[in-house]
N, C-alpha and C. Protein backbone atom coordinates (compact mmCIF):
# COMPACT_ATOMS: atom_id res chain seq x y z
N UNK A 1 48.98 -79.44 -174.19
CA UNK A 1 49.43 -79.79 -172.86
C UNK A 1 48.48 -80.82 -172.28
N UNK A 2 48.97 -81.50 -171.28
CA UNK A 2 48.12 -82.51 -170.63
C UNK A 2 48.59 -82.70 -169.20
N UNK A 3 47.72 -83.31 -168.40
CA UNK A 3 48.10 -83.64 -167.03
C UNK A 3 49.20 -84.70 -167.05
N UNK A 4 50.12 -84.59 -166.14
CA UNK A 4 51.15 -85.62 -166.00
C UNK A 4 50.47 -86.92 -165.57
N UNK A 5 50.82 -88.02 -166.20
CA UNK A 5 50.17 -89.28 -165.87
C UNK A 5 51.07 -90.19 -165.03
N UNK A 6 52.37 -90.03 -165.13
CA UNK A 6 53.28 -90.89 -164.38
C UNK A 6 53.35 -90.45 -162.91
N UNK A 7 53.04 -91.36 -162.02
CA UNK A 7 53.12 -91.07 -160.60
C UNK A 7 52.03 -90.16 -160.07
N UNK A 8 50.95 -90.02 -160.82
CA UNK A 8 49.84 -89.16 -160.40
C UNK A 8 48.55 -89.97 -160.46
N UNK A 9 47.76 -89.84 -159.44
CA UNK A 9 46.44 -90.45 -159.43
C UNK A 9 45.43 -89.37 -159.10
N UNK A 10 44.20 -89.56 -159.54
CA UNK A 10 43.16 -88.59 -159.23
C UNK A 10 41.82 -89.26 -159.10
N UNK A 11 41.00 -88.64 -158.29
CA UNK A 11 39.68 -89.18 -157.98
C UNK A 11 38.69 -88.03 -157.90
N UNK A 12 37.54 -88.19 -158.53
CA UNK A 12 36.48 -87.19 -158.43
C UNK A 12 35.59 -87.57 -157.26
N UNK A 13 35.33 -86.60 -156.39
CA UNK A 13 34.50 -86.80 -155.22
C UNK A 13 33.51 -85.64 -155.13
N UNK A 14 32.24 -85.94 -155.29
CA UNK A 14 31.18 -84.94 -155.20
C UNK A 14 31.44 -83.73 -156.09
N UNK A 15 31.86 -83.97 -157.34
CA UNK A 15 32.08 -82.89 -158.28
C UNK A 15 33.40 -82.17 -158.14
N UNK A 16 34.18 -82.54 -157.14
CA UNK A 16 35.50 -81.96 -156.96
C UNK A 16 36.54 -83.02 -157.28
N UNK A 17 37.72 -82.57 -157.63
CA UNK A 17 38.78 -83.48 -158.01
C UNK A 17 39.93 -83.39 -157.02
N UNK A 18 40.47 -84.52 -156.66
CA UNK A 18 41.66 -84.58 -155.81
C UNK A 18 42.75 -85.25 -156.64
N UNK A 19 43.83 -84.52 -156.91
CA UNK A 19 44.98 -85.05 -157.63
C UNK A 19 46.08 -85.30 -156.61
N UNK A 20 46.68 -86.47 -156.66
CA UNK A 20 47.75 -86.84 -155.73
C UNK A 20 49.00 -87.20 -156.50
N UNK A 21 50.09 -86.51 -156.18
CA UNK A 21 51.39 -86.84 -156.75
C UNK A 21 52.01 -87.90 -155.85
N UNK A 22 52.08 -89.12 -156.34
CA UNK A 22 52.57 -90.24 -155.54
C UNK A 22 54.07 -90.13 -155.23
N UNK A 23 54.79 -89.36 -156.02
CA UNK A 23 56.23 -89.19 -155.79
C UNK A 23 56.53 -88.26 -154.64
N UNK A 24 55.70 -87.23 -154.49
CA UNK A 24 55.96 -86.22 -153.45
C UNK A 24 54.94 -86.23 -152.33
N UNK A 25 53.88 -86.99 -152.49
CA UNK A 25 52.76 -87.05 -151.54
C UNK A 25 52.04 -85.70 -151.42
N UNK A 26 52.19 -84.83 -152.41
CA UNK A 26 51.45 -83.57 -152.43
C UNK A 26 50.15 -83.79 -153.18
N UNK A 27 49.13 -83.05 -152.75
CA UNK A 27 47.86 -83.18 -153.45
C UNK A 27 47.27 -81.81 -153.74
N UNK A 28 46.39 -81.80 -154.71
CA UNK A 28 45.71 -80.58 -155.14
C UNK A 28 44.23 -80.92 -155.25
N UNK A 29 43.40 -80.08 -154.68
CA UNK A 29 41.95 -80.26 -154.83
C UNK A 29 41.40 -79.14 -155.71
N UNK A 30 40.36 -79.45 -156.44
CA UNK A 30 39.75 -78.47 -157.32
C UNK A 30 38.26 -78.35 -157.05
N UNK A 31 37.70 -77.25 -157.51
CA UNK A 31 36.25 -77.12 -157.50
C UNK A 31 35.71 -77.70 -158.80
N UNK A 32 34.44 -77.51 -159.08
CA UNK A 32 33.83 -78.09 -160.29
C UNK A 32 34.49 -77.56 -161.56
N UNK A 33 34.82 -76.28 -161.60
CA UNK A 33 35.47 -75.71 -162.79
C UNK A 33 36.86 -76.33 -162.97
N UNK A 34 37.59 -76.51 -161.89
CA UNK A 34 38.90 -77.15 -161.96
C UNK A 34 38.79 -78.59 -162.41
N UNK A 35 37.74 -79.25 -161.99
CA UNK A 35 37.50 -80.63 -162.42
C UNK A 35 37.29 -80.68 -163.92
N UNK A 36 36.49 -79.76 -164.44
CA UNK A 36 36.27 -79.68 -165.89
C UNK A 36 37.60 -79.45 -166.62
N UNK A 37 38.40 -78.53 -166.12
CA UNK A 37 39.68 -78.24 -166.77
C UNK A 37 40.62 -79.44 -166.71
N UNK A 38 40.68 -80.10 -165.57
CA UNK A 38 41.56 -81.27 -165.42
C UNK A 38 41.12 -82.39 -166.34
N UNK A 39 39.82 -82.63 -166.43
CA UNK A 39 39.31 -83.68 -167.31
C UNK A 39 39.62 -83.35 -168.77
N UNK A 40 39.54 -82.09 -169.13
CA UNK A 40 39.86 -81.67 -170.49
C UNK A 40 41.35 -81.86 -170.76
N UNK A 41 42.18 -81.58 -169.76
CA UNK A 41 43.63 -81.74 -169.91
C UNK A 41 44.05 -83.21 -169.95
N UNK A 42 43.25 -84.09 -169.41
CA UNK A 42 43.63 -85.50 -169.36
C UNK A 42 43.87 -86.06 -170.76
N UNK A 43 43.12 -85.58 -171.73
CA UNK A 43 43.27 -86.04 -173.11
C UNK A 43 44.14 -85.12 -173.94
N UNK A 44 44.61 -84.04 -173.34
CA UNK A 44 45.41 -83.06 -174.06
C UNK A 44 44.53 -81.92 -174.54
N UNK A 45 44.98 -80.69 -174.32
CA UNK A 45 44.20 -79.52 -174.70
C UNK A 45 45.11 -78.30 -174.74
N UNK A 46 44.68 -77.32 -175.50
CA UNK A 46 45.38 -76.03 -175.50
C UNK A 46 44.73 -75.13 -174.45
N UNK A 47 45.39 -74.05 -174.16
CA UNK A 47 44.80 -73.09 -173.22
C UNK A 47 43.48 -72.55 -173.78
N UNK A 48 43.43 -72.32 -175.09
CA UNK A 48 42.19 -71.85 -175.71
C UNK A 48 41.07 -72.89 -175.57
N UNK A 49 41.40 -74.17 -175.67
CA UNK A 49 40.40 -75.23 -175.46
C UNK A 49 39.82 -75.16 -174.05
N UNK A 50 40.68 -74.91 -173.09
CA UNK A 50 40.24 -74.85 -171.69
C UNK A 50 39.33 -73.64 -171.47
N UNK A 51 39.73 -72.50 -172.01
CA UNK A 51 38.92 -71.28 -171.89
C UNK A 51 37.54 -71.53 -172.52
N UNK A 52 37.53 -72.11 -173.70
CA UNK A 52 36.26 -72.38 -174.39
C UNK A 52 35.37 -73.32 -173.57
N UNK A 53 35.97 -74.30 -172.93
CA UNK A 53 35.18 -75.24 -172.11
C UNK A 53 34.52 -74.51 -170.95
N UNK A 54 35.24 -73.61 -170.32
CA UNK A 54 34.65 -72.84 -169.21
C UNK A 54 33.54 -71.93 -169.69
N UNK A 55 33.78 -71.22 -170.79
CA UNK A 55 32.76 -70.31 -171.34
C UNK A 55 31.51 -71.08 -171.71
N UNK A 56 31.69 -72.21 -172.38
CA UNK A 56 30.55 -73.02 -172.83
C UNK A 56 29.78 -73.62 -171.64
N UNK A 57 30.49 -74.12 -170.65
CA UNK A 57 29.85 -74.82 -169.54
C UNK A 57 29.21 -73.87 -168.54
N UNK A 58 29.92 -72.78 -168.23
CA UNK A 58 29.45 -71.90 -167.16
C UNK A 58 28.89 -70.57 -167.66
N UNK A 59 28.91 -70.39 -169.00
CA UNK A 59 28.38 -69.16 -169.60
C UNK A 59 28.97 -67.91 -168.93
N UNK A 60 30.29 -67.90 -168.80
CA UNK A 60 30.98 -66.76 -168.22
C UNK A 60 31.72 -66.00 -169.32
N UNK A 61 32.11 -64.79 -169.00
CA UNK A 61 32.86 -63.96 -169.94
C UNK A 61 34.21 -64.58 -170.25
N UNK A 62 34.64 -64.46 -171.48
CA UNK A 62 35.91 -65.06 -171.88
C UNK A 62 37.09 -64.54 -171.06
N UNK A 63 37.07 -63.27 -170.70
CA UNK A 63 38.20 -62.71 -169.92
C UNK A 63 38.27 -63.35 -168.54
N UNK A 64 37.13 -63.64 -167.94
CA UNK A 64 37.10 -64.31 -166.64
C UNK A 64 37.59 -65.74 -166.80
N UNK A 65 37.12 -66.43 -167.84
CA UNK A 65 37.54 -67.80 -168.09
C UNK A 65 39.04 -67.87 -168.36
N UNK A 66 39.57 -66.90 -169.09
CA UNK A 66 41.00 -66.89 -169.40
C UNK A 66 41.83 -66.69 -168.13
N UNK A 67 41.40 -65.79 -167.26
CA UNK A 67 42.11 -65.56 -165.99
C UNK A 67 42.05 -66.80 -165.10
N UNK A 68 40.88 -67.42 -165.01
CA UNK A 68 40.73 -68.62 -164.19
C UNK A 68 41.59 -69.76 -164.74
N UNK A 69 41.62 -69.89 -166.05
CA UNK A 69 42.43 -70.93 -166.69
C UNK A 69 43.91 -70.70 -166.42
N UNK A 70 44.36 -69.46 -166.55
CA UNK A 70 45.77 -69.13 -166.31
C UNK A 70 46.15 -69.46 -164.87
N UNK A 71 45.29 -69.13 -163.92
CA UNK A 71 45.56 -69.44 -162.51
C UNK A 71 45.63 -70.94 -162.27
N UNK A 72 44.72 -71.68 -162.88
CA UNK A 72 44.70 -73.13 -162.73
C UNK A 72 45.96 -73.75 -163.31
N UNK A 73 46.35 -73.33 -164.50
CA UNK A 73 47.55 -73.87 -165.12
C UNK A 73 48.80 -73.52 -164.32
N UNK A 74 48.84 -72.32 -163.76
CA UNK A 74 49.98 -71.93 -162.93
C UNK A 74 50.10 -72.84 -161.71
N UNK A 75 48.97 -73.17 -161.10
CA UNK A 75 48.98 -74.06 -159.94
C UNK A 75 49.45 -75.46 -160.34
N UNK A 76 48.98 -75.95 -161.46
CA UNK A 76 49.42 -77.27 -161.93
C UNK A 76 50.93 -77.28 -162.21
N UNK A 77 51.41 -76.21 -162.81
CA UNK A 77 52.87 -76.12 -163.08
C UNK A 77 53.65 -76.06 -161.78
N UNK A 78 53.16 -75.29 -160.82
CA UNK A 78 53.84 -75.19 -159.53
C UNK A 78 53.92 -76.55 -158.85
N UNK A 79 52.89 -77.34 -159.00
CA UNK A 79 52.85 -78.68 -158.39
C UNK A 79 53.50 -79.75 -159.28
N UNK A 80 54.02 -79.34 -160.43
CA UNK A 80 54.64 -80.24 -161.41
C UNK A 80 53.67 -81.32 -161.87
N UNK A 81 52.43 -80.91 -162.13
CA UNK A 81 51.38 -81.83 -162.57
C UNK A 81 51.02 -81.66 -164.03
N UNK A 82 51.71 -80.75 -164.72
CA UNK A 82 51.35 -80.43 -166.11
C UNK A 82 52.51 -80.72 -167.03
N UNK A 83 52.20 -81.28 -168.17
CA UNK A 83 53.19 -81.52 -169.22
C UNK A 83 52.80 -80.69 -170.43
N UNK A 84 53.66 -79.78 -170.82
CA UNK A 84 53.39 -78.91 -171.99
C UNK A 84 53.74 -79.60 -173.28
């Protein structure tokens, strides 16, 4: 899966990411962990890749990383920002 690239722009500001859907004028902001996930998705990644990135970067338990990843992906899908 990867972030939708058509009609979407994003900018990192102070470690946080702001994604803007130019078609709907809706935006999504992320914290540092969301920024890491979005950057990983920009080139294409599996859910397991995203979980591993969180575990490696933040040294958190895999179950916590998996739950956080699932929530992040659900938000991206709700905003139509993700391409599977």
